[in-house]
Amino acid sequence: MINVAVLGARGRMGSTVVRAVEEAPDLALVAALDFEDSLAAASEAGADVAVDFTVPSSAEANVHALIEAGIHAVVGTTGWTDAALTRVREHCLSAPGVGVLVAPNFALGAVLAMRFSAAAAAYFESVEVIELHHPDKVDAPSGTASHTAAGIAAARAAAGVAVSPDATTHDPDGARGAIVDGVHVHSVRLRGLVAHEEVLMGNPGEMFTIRHDSFDRVSFMPGVLLGVRNVGRHPGLTVGLEHFMTL
């Protein structure tokens, strides 16, 4: 039995995680904490793993506190910078038995879409990413889209493929979107959406599209539980759920 604490337990994702943990026969919910609660309660409750679905402004501090307490962390909060990940990675060196998983997306289909996109991107002249989310999301582009673009860029660089052609020289309003490692990423915020991503790849005369849709937050729960069950076997910082999957 794995004892689990959930941080951000009254939020949209956190409350869904609480229900998933309660329904899992091999997991025990020992603490459901929100912004006004002390993280010390997770340790006092005997948590082995804490799941963080809070906000970008507090997630890093939460993770450092969990490392100090010797509690494994599974983090779905997005908005992480390279510098923040480096600080967590270095902190983990002082707690060699603690594992931290930061995943841009916990939907298994989204993880597969990221992997498939990286595998295919080297075969197409042009690649762009479109991510679509509900308007309550605070960060753009999404962590999933940034992770997808970074994987695509790395695969193209390894294969010696040039950056996608683009003759745009005048874009005062940013219509061409953000650029992540040379890959254009476009963000849509629309009521009625949950979490969606399209990767568009083009060659002369053809277009290849990889799309993933999460219509309900329950789609993330198999990945969250996979992370909870496996994070203790992976000391240090792991970025991306794909490292816990046999792909």
Protein backbone atom coordinates (compact mmCIF):
# COMPACT_ATOMS: atom_id res chain seq x y z
CA MET A 1 0.00 0.00 0.00
CA ILE A 2 1.32 3.42 -1.01
CA ASN A 3 0.29 6.37 1.16
CA VAL A 4 -0.57 9.39 -0.99
CA ALA A 5 -1.03 13.09 -0.26
CA VAL A 6 -2.68 15.36 -2.83
CA LEU A 7 -1.70 19.04 -3.02
CA GLY A 8 -4.28 21.32 -4.59
CA ALA A 9 -6.95 18.84 -3.55
CA ARG A 10 -9.90 21.19 -4.09
CA GLY A 11 -8.88 22.24 -7.59
CA ARG A 12 -10.23 20.77 -10.83
CA MET A 13 -7.37 18.33 -11.28
CA GLY A 14 -6.64 17.81 -7.59
CA SER A 15 -10.19 16.75 -6.75
CA THR A 16 -10.10 14.25 -9.62
CA VAL A 17 -6.82 12.86 -8.31
CA VAL A 18 -8.35 12.48 -4.84
CA ARG A 19 -11.16 10.34 -6.24
CA ALA A 20 -8.76 8.24 -8.32
CA VAL A 21 -6.51 7.54 -5.34
CA GLU A 22 -9.49 6.66 -3.15
CA GLU A 23 -10.71 4.17 -5.76
CA ALA A 24 -7.31 2.49 -6.28
CA PRO A 25 -6.99 -0.71 -4.19
CA ASP A 26 -3.21 -0.36 -3.73
CA LEU A 27 -3.21 3.33 -2.74
CA ALA A 28 -4.33 5.09 0.44
CA LEU A 29 -5.23 8.79 0.56
CA VAL A 30 -3.68 10.07 3.78
CA ALA A 31 -3.84 13.84 3.17
CA ALA A 32 -5.85 16.14 0.89
CA LEU A 33 -4.24 19.59 1.16
CA ASP A 34 -5.03 22.94 -0.40
CA PHE A 35 -3.36 26.35 -0.46
CA GLU A 36 -4.13 27.22 3.17
CA ASP A 37 -2.80 23.91 4.54
CA SER A 38 0.74 23.26 5.73
CA LEU A 39 2.82 20.80 3.74
CA ALA A 40 3.99 19.41 7.06
CA ALA A 41 0.63 17.66 7.23
CA ALA A 42 1.73 15.34 4.41
CA SER A 43 4.72 14.17 6.39
CA GLU A 44 2.72 13.92 9.62
CA ALA A 45 0.16 11.73 7.82
CA GLY A 46 2.89 9.34 6.68
CA ALA A 47 2.72 10.11 2.95
CA ASP A 48 5.09 8.14 0.74
CA VAL A 49 4.18 10.13 -2.39
CA ALA A 50 2.64 13.58 -2.88
CA VAL A 51 0.82 14.56 -6.06
CA ASP A 52 1.04 18.28 -6.86
CA PHE A 53 -1.62 19.94 -8.99
CA THR A 54 -1.37 23.46 -7.61
CA VAL A 55 -0.20 26.59 -9.47
CA PRO A 56 3.14 27.48 -11.10
CA SER A 57 3.95 30.08 -8.44
CA SER A 58 3.98 27.51 -5.63
CA ALA A 59 4.88 24.18 -7.29
CA GLU A 60 8.67 24.53 -7.08
CA ALA A 61 8.61 25.47 -3.40
CA ASN A 62 6.30 22.54 -2.73
CA VAL A 63 8.68 20.13 -4.43
CA HIS A 64 11.69 21.40 -2.47
CA ALA A 65 9.72 20.97 0.77
CA LEU A 66 8.76 17.43 -0.20
CA ILE A 67 12.37 16.55 -1.01
CA GLU A 68 13.41 17.87 2.41
CA ALA A 69 10.72 15.69 4.00
CA GLY A 70 11.83 12.59 2.09
CA ILE A 71 8.51 12.34 0.20
CA HIS A 72 8.44 11.37 -3.48
CA ALA A 73 6.71 13.93 -5.71
CA VAL A 74 4.52 13.50 -8.78
CA VAL A 75 3.97 16.93 -10.32
CA GLY A 76 1.38 17.85 -12.91
CA THR A 77 1.57 21.61 -12.35
CA THR A 78 2.97 23.21 -15.50
CA GLY A 79 4.96 26.40 -16.07
CA TRP A 80 8.37 24.96 -15.16
CA THR A 81 11.50 26.70 -16.44
CA ASP A 82 14.85 25.06 -17.15
CA ALA A 83 16.33 26.95 -14.21
CA ALA A 84 13.66 25.63 -11.83
CA LEU A 85 14.16 22.06 -13.02
CA THR A 86 17.90 22.44 -12.53
CA ARG A 87 17.37 23.58 -8.94
CA VAL A 88 15.18 20.54 -8.25
CA ARG A 89 17.67 18.20 -9.92
CA GLU A 90 20.48 19.58 -7.76
CA HIS A 91 18.38 19.38 -4.60
CA CYS A 92 17.67 15.71 -5.29
CA LEU A 93 21.40 15.02 -5.01
CA SER A 94 21.14 15.70 -1.28
CA ALA A 95 18.24 13.23 -0.96
CA PRO A 96 19.39 10.24 -3.03
CA GLY A 97 16.40 8.07 -2.20
CA VAL A 98 13.75 10.59 -3.27
CA GLY A 99 12.16 10.55 -6.71
CA VAL A 100 10.51 13.54 -8.40
CA LEU A 101 8.44 13.20 -11.57
CA VAL A 102 7.48 16.37 -13.44
CA ALA A 103 5.17 15.49 -16.31
CA PRO A 104 3.87 18.01 -18.86
CA ASN A 105 0.91 15.70 -19.47
CA PHE A 106 -0.40 12.58 -17.75
CA ALA A 107 -2.78 11.43 -20.49
CA LEU A 108 -1.25 8.27 -21.95
CA GLY A 109 -2.43 9.26 -25.43
CA ALA A 110 -0.74 12.64 -25.12
CA VAL A 111 2.53 10.97 -24.12
CA LEU A 112 2.27 8.70 -27.15
CA ALA A 113 1.48 11.68 -29.40
CA MET A 114 4.63 13.45 -28.19
CA ARG A 115 6.72 10.35 -28.87
CA PHE A 116 5.16 9.76 -32.30
CA SER A 117 5.67 13.42 -33.24
CA ALA A 118 9.37 13.27 -32.44
CA ALA A 119 9.70 10.07 -34.47
CA ALA A 120 7.96 11.54 -37.50
CA ALA A 121 9.23 15.12 -37.47
CA ALA A 122 12.54 14.39 -39.17
CA TYR A 123 10.70 13.26 -42.31
CA PHE A 124 8.84 16.52 -42.96
CA GLU A 125 10.00 19.91 -44.15
CA SER A 126 7.58 21.87 -41.95
CA VAL A 127 6.28 21.25 -38.42
CA GLU A 128 4.03 23.39 -36.22
CA VAL A 129 2.18 22.72 -32.95
CA ILE A 130 -1.28 23.93 -31.92
CA GLU A 131 -2.46 23.49 -28.33
CA LEU A 132 -6.03 24.16 -27.26
CA HIS A 133 -7.18 24.49 -23.64
CA HIS A 134 -9.93 25.93 -21.44
CA PRO A 135 -9.65 29.69 -20.72
CA ASP A 136 -8.89 29.17 -17.02
CA LYS A 137 -5.41 27.84 -17.82
CA VAL A 138 -2.81 30.34 -16.59
CA ASP A 139 0.23 29.46 -18.73
CA ALA A 140 0.79 29.57 -22.49
CA PRO A 141 2.07 27.76 -24.36
CA SER A 142 1.13 24.68 -22.38
CA GLY A 143 3.81 22.46 -20.86
CA THR A 144 2.69 19.68 -23.18
CA ALA A 145 3.17 21.83 -26.28
CA SER A 146 6.57 23.07 -25.13
CA HIS A 147 7.68 19.51 -24.37
CA THR A 148 6.35 18.36 -27.75
CA ALA A 149 8.17 21.13 -29.59
CA ALA A 150 11.43 20.48 -27.75
CA GLY A 151 11.26 16.78 -28.64
CA ILE A 152 10.52 17.58 -32.27
CA ALA A 153 13.40 20.06 -32.43
CA ALA A 154 15.86 17.61 -30.88
CA ALA A 155 14.86 14.85 -33.31
CA ARG A 156 15.17 17.17 -36.31
CA ALA A 157 18.55 18.47 -35.16
CA ALA A 158 19.84 14.91 -34.66
CA ALA A 159 18.73 14.05 -38.19
CA GLY A 160 20.25 17.20 -39.66
CA VAL A 161 16.87 18.63 -40.73
CA ALA A 162 16.68 22.39 -41.15
CA VAL A 163 14.28 24.62 -39.25
CA SER A 164 10.87 24.83 -40.93
CA PRO A 165 10.81 27.41 -43.74
CA ASP A 166 9.01 30.66 -42.97
CA ALA A 167 9.16 33.82 -45.10
CA THR A 168 7.38 35.96 -42.48
CA THR A 169 9.19 39.24 -41.89
CA HIS A 170 6.33 41.36 -40.52
CA ASP A 171 4.38 40.06 -37.51
CA PRO A 172 3.82 42.94 -35.04
CA ASP A 173 0.95 41.15 -33.28
CA GLY A 174 2.61 37.76 -32.86
CA ALA A 175 0.27 35.93 -35.20
CA ARG A 176 2.92 33.30 -35.88
CA GLY A 177 2.83 32.23 -32.23
CA ALA A 178 5.59 31.40 -29.79
CA ILE A 179 8.82 29.77 -30.92
CA VAL A 180 10.09 26.86 -28.85
CA ASP A 181 13.51 25.60 -29.99
CA GLY A 182 12.73 26.81 -33.50
CA VAL A 183 9.24 25.24 -33.64
CA HIS A 184 6.18 27.52 -33.85
CA VAL A 185 3.60 26.84 -31.14
CA HIS A 186 0.10 28.34 -31.19
CA SER A 187 -2.18 28.56 -28.13
CA VAL A 188 -5.99 28.59 -28.20
CA ARG A 189 -8.07 29.33 -25.07
CA LEU A 190 -11.74 28.51 -25.52
CA ARG A 191 -14.63 27.72 -23.19
CA GLY A 192 -15.74 24.12 -23.59
CA LEU A 193 -12.26 22.73 -24.20
CA VAL A 194 -10.24 20.67 -21.73
CA ALA A 195 -6.82 19.79 -23.21
CA HIS A 196 -6.07 19.19 -26.87
CA GLU A 197 -3.02 19.22 -29.14
CA GLU A 198 -2.36 19.00 -32.87
CA VAL A 199 1.01 18.55 -34.49
CA LEU A 200 0.97 19.51 -38.17
CA MET A 201 3.74 18.25 -40.46
CA GLY A 202 4.02 19.17 -44.11
CA ASN A 203 5.90 18.16 -47.24
CA PRO A 204 5.20 19.24 -50.82
CA GLY A 205 1.79 17.79 -51.66
CA GLU A 206 1.00 16.26 -48.24
CA MET A 207 0.19 17.01 -44.62
CA PHE A 208 0.44 14.60 -41.67
CA THR A 209 -1.50 15.40 -38.49
CA ILE A 210 -1.13 13.86 -35.04
CA ARG A 211 -3.90 14.92 -32.65
CA HIS A 212 -4.79 14.06 -29.09
CA ASP A 213 -7.93 15.14 -27.22
CA SER A 214 -8.71 14.95 -23.52
CA PHE A 215 -12.44 15.51 -23.09
CA ASP A 216 -12.47 14.93 -19.35
CA ARG A 217 -9.87 15.19 -16.59
CA VAL A 218 -10.34 11.51 -15.81
CA SER A 219 -8.20 10.91 -18.91
CA PHE A 220 -5.16 11.98 -16.89
CA MET A 221 -5.72 9.61 -14.00
CA PRO A 222 -4.16 6.39 -15.40
CA GLY A 223 -0.95 8.34 -15.97
CA VAL A 224 -1.05 9.96 -12.54
CA LEU A 225 -1.48 6.58 -10.87
CA LEU A 226 1.31 5.15 -13.04
CA GLY A 227 3.54 7.94 -11.77
CA VAL A 228 2.55 7.39 -8.13
CA ARG A 229 3.27 3.68 -8.35
CA ASN A 230 6.65 4.08 -10.05
CA VAL A 231 8.25 7.34 -8.84
CA GLY A 232 9.88 5.61 -5.86
CA ARG A 233 11.80 3.37 -8.25
CA HIS A 234 13.33 6.37 -10.06
CA PRO A 235 15.44 8.47 -7.66
CA GLY A 236 16.26 12.00 -8.71
CA LEU A 237 14.36 14.18 -11.18
CA THR A 238 12.50 12.66 -14.13
CA VAL A 239 10.84 14.96 -16.67
CA GLY A 240 8.13 13.26 -18.70
CA LEU A 241 5.93 10.26 -18.01
CA GLU A 242 7.35 8.47 -21.05
CA HIS A 243 10.37 7.47 -18.95
CA PHE A 244 8.07 5.31 -16.81
CA MET A 245 6.55 3.63 -19.89
CA THR A 246 7.99 0.94 -22.13
CA LEU A 247 7.87 2.75 -25.47
